[in-house]
Protein backbone atom coordinates (compact mmCIF):
# COMPACT_ATOMS: atom_id res chain seq x y z
CA UNK A 1 76.85 89.86 90.07
CA UNK A 2 74.11 88.76 91.99
CA UNK A 3 73.60 89.42 95.71
CA UNK A 4 75.20 86.83 97.84
CA UNK A 5 74.19 86.64 101.48
CA UNK A 6 77.05 84.38 102.40
CA UNK A 7 79.78 86.85 101.42
CA UNK A 8 80.97 88.43 104.55
CA UNK A 9 81.62 92.04 105.03
CA UNK A 10 85.00 92.86 106.67
CA UNK A 11 83.29 95.02 109.30
CA UNK A 12 86.37 95.93 111.18
CA UNK A 13 88.21 97.00 108.31
CA UNK A 14 85.18 98.90 106.97
CA UNK A 15 84.42 100.67 110.18
CA UNK A 16 88.02 101.49 110.70
CA UNK A 17 88.26 103.13 107.45
CA UNK A 18 84.89 105.13 108.16
CA UNK A 19 86.10 106.21 111.69
CA UNK A 20 89.31 107.63 110.09
CA UNK A 21 87.29 109.39 107.35
CA UNK A 22 84.92 110.92 110.25
CA UNK A 23 87.61 111.92 112.31
CA UNK A 24 89.42 113.72 109.61
CA UNK A 25 86.37 115.57 108.52
CA UNK A 26 85.33 116.25 112.07
CA UNK A 27 88.75 117.93 112.52
CA UNK A 28 88.29 120.11 109.52
CA UNK A 29 84.72 121.00 110.79
CA UNK A 30 86.15 121.96 114.17
CA UNK A 31 88.81 124.00 112.54
CA UNK A 32 87.01 125.91 109.72
CA UNK A 33 83.31 125.84 110.62
CA UNK A 34 83.01 127.08 114.27
CA UNK A 35 79.69 128.74 113.56
CA UNK A 36 77.65 125.59 112.57
CA UNK A 37 79.39 122.61 114.24
CA UNK A 38 76.23 120.94 115.44
CA UNK A 39 74.71 120.75 111.83
CA UNK A 40 77.92 119.86 110.39
CA UNK A 41 78.73 117.07 112.77
CA UNK A 42 74.99 115.85 112.21
CA UNK A 43 75.53 115.82 108.39
CA UNK A 44 78.95 113.97 108.87
CA UNK A 45 77.12 111.20 111.02
CA UNK A 46 74.65 110.76 108.43
CA UNK A 47 77.27 110.61 105.68
CA UNK A 48 79.16 108.09 107.69
CA UNK A 49 76.17 105.95 108.25
CA UNK A 50 75.16 106.18 104.41
CA UNK A 51 78.50 105.27 103.10
CA UNK A 52 78.92 102.31 105.61
CA UNK A 53 75.49 100.94 104.37
CA UNK A 54 76.37 101.63 100.73
CA UNK A 55 79.83 99.92 100.86
CA UNK A 56 78.29 97.03 102.80
CA UNK A 57 75.44 96.43 100.26
CA UNK A 58 77.89 96.75 97.36
CA UNK A 59 80.25 94.28 99.18
CA UNK A 60 77.32 91.75 99.00
CA UNK A 61 77.02 92.28 95.25
CA UNK A 62 80.63 91.51 94.87
CA UNK A 63 82.39 94.86 94.95
CA UNK A 64 85.73 94.25 96.65
CA UNK A 65 87.65 97.80 96.98
CA UNK A 66 91.46 97.84 97.48
CA UNK A 67 91.20 99.88 100.65
CA UNK A 68 89.14 96.90 102.26
CA UNK A 69 91.61 94.14 101.26
CA UNK A 70 94.42 93.03 103.74
CA UNK A 71 98.02 93.05 103.00
CA UNK A 72 98.24 89.49 102.38
CA UNK A 73 95.39 89.66 99.85
CA UNK A 74 97.14 92.50 98.12
CA UNK A 75 100.39 90.42 97.98
CA UNK A 76 98.59 87.57 96.59
CA UNK A 77 97.15 89.59 93.91
CA UNK A 78 100.47 91.18 93.18
CA UNK A 79 102.24 87.87 92.74
CA UNK A 80 99.42 86.48 90.44
CA UNK A 81 99.77 89.66 88.26
CA UNK A 82 103.53 89.14 88.00
CA UNK A 83 103.21 85.40 87.16
CA UNK A 84 100.54 86.32 84.48
CA UNK A 85 102.95 88.86 82.93
CA UNK A 86 105.87 86.36 82.98
CA UNK A 87 103.73 83.73 81.40
CA UNK A 88 102.71 86.29 78.71
CA UNK A 89 106.15 87.42 77.92
CA UNK A 90 107.28 83.65 77.88
CA UNK A 91 104.26 82.92 75.39
CA UNK A 92 105.46 85.79 72.94
CA UNK A 93 109.02 85.05 73.02
CA UNK A 94 108.64 81.23 72.57
CA UNK A 95 110.86 80.47 75.72
CA UNK A 96 109.69 78.40 78.80
CA UNK A 97 109.34 80.24 82.07
CA UNK A 98 112.36 80.20 84.40
CA UNK A 99 111.72 77.90 87.27
CA UNK A 100 113.72 80.36 89.67
CA UNK A 101 115.33 83.66 89.52
CA UNK A 102 118.92 83.31 88.58
CA UNK A 103 121.45 85.53 90.15
CA UNK A 104 122.68 88.34 87.93
CA UNK A 105 126.07 88.56 86.99
CA UNK A 106 127.53 91.75 88.24
CA UNK A 107 130.90 92.92 86.72
CA UNK A 108 133.65 94.22 88.90
CA UNK A 109 133.71 98.08 89.16
CA UNK A 110 135.97 100.08 86.87
CA UNK A 111 137.61 103.45 87.17
CA UNK A 112 134.54 104.97 85.14
CA UNK A 113 131.94 103.01 87.24
CA UNK A 114 133.43 103.18 90.72
CA UNK A 115 131.91 105.49 93.31
CA UNK A 116 135.04 105.59 95.36
CA UNK A 117 137.53 108.26 95.76
CA UNK A 118 139.31 107.59 92.59
CA UNK A 119 136.30 108.66 90.59
CA UNK A 120 136.04 112.17 92.28
CA UNK A 121 139.52 113.22 93.25
CA UNK A 122 139.79 115.91 95.91
CA UNK A 123 140.92 119.23 94.38
CA UNK A 124 143.22 121.52 96.27
CA UNK A 125 145.06 124.67 95.53
CA UNK A 126 148.13 122.84 94.38
CA UNK A 127 146.60 120.28 91.91
CA UNK A 128 143.55 122.17 90.46
CA UNK A 129 143.41 122.57 86.64
CA UNK A 130 143.90 126.10 85.41
């Protein structure tokens, strides 16, 4: 895809992701590299700036990673995929798509399928099998 300057970068989500990344790695640096804290923190700041710049440039080229999408966008993508799968199944089977999801018939529980007390009788000393 070509560069599109009108494509907006979601700065709030991007910076939130980057700050979580930086905070996690700063904690690791403080825990495990006490001798080289200044150099490691400096490298971390440079890495955060570089990744922010790289992701924003890639975003302008059309890259849209899942970690920068909102929940509503992800839900729309999921529903679109489900609809595509249902349409493909209907095309293969030759049947039309259902307009609504029908309620499934669920049979009444029996002695073999019940999860009640009759399925697991309590064993005592008097009625146990010998």
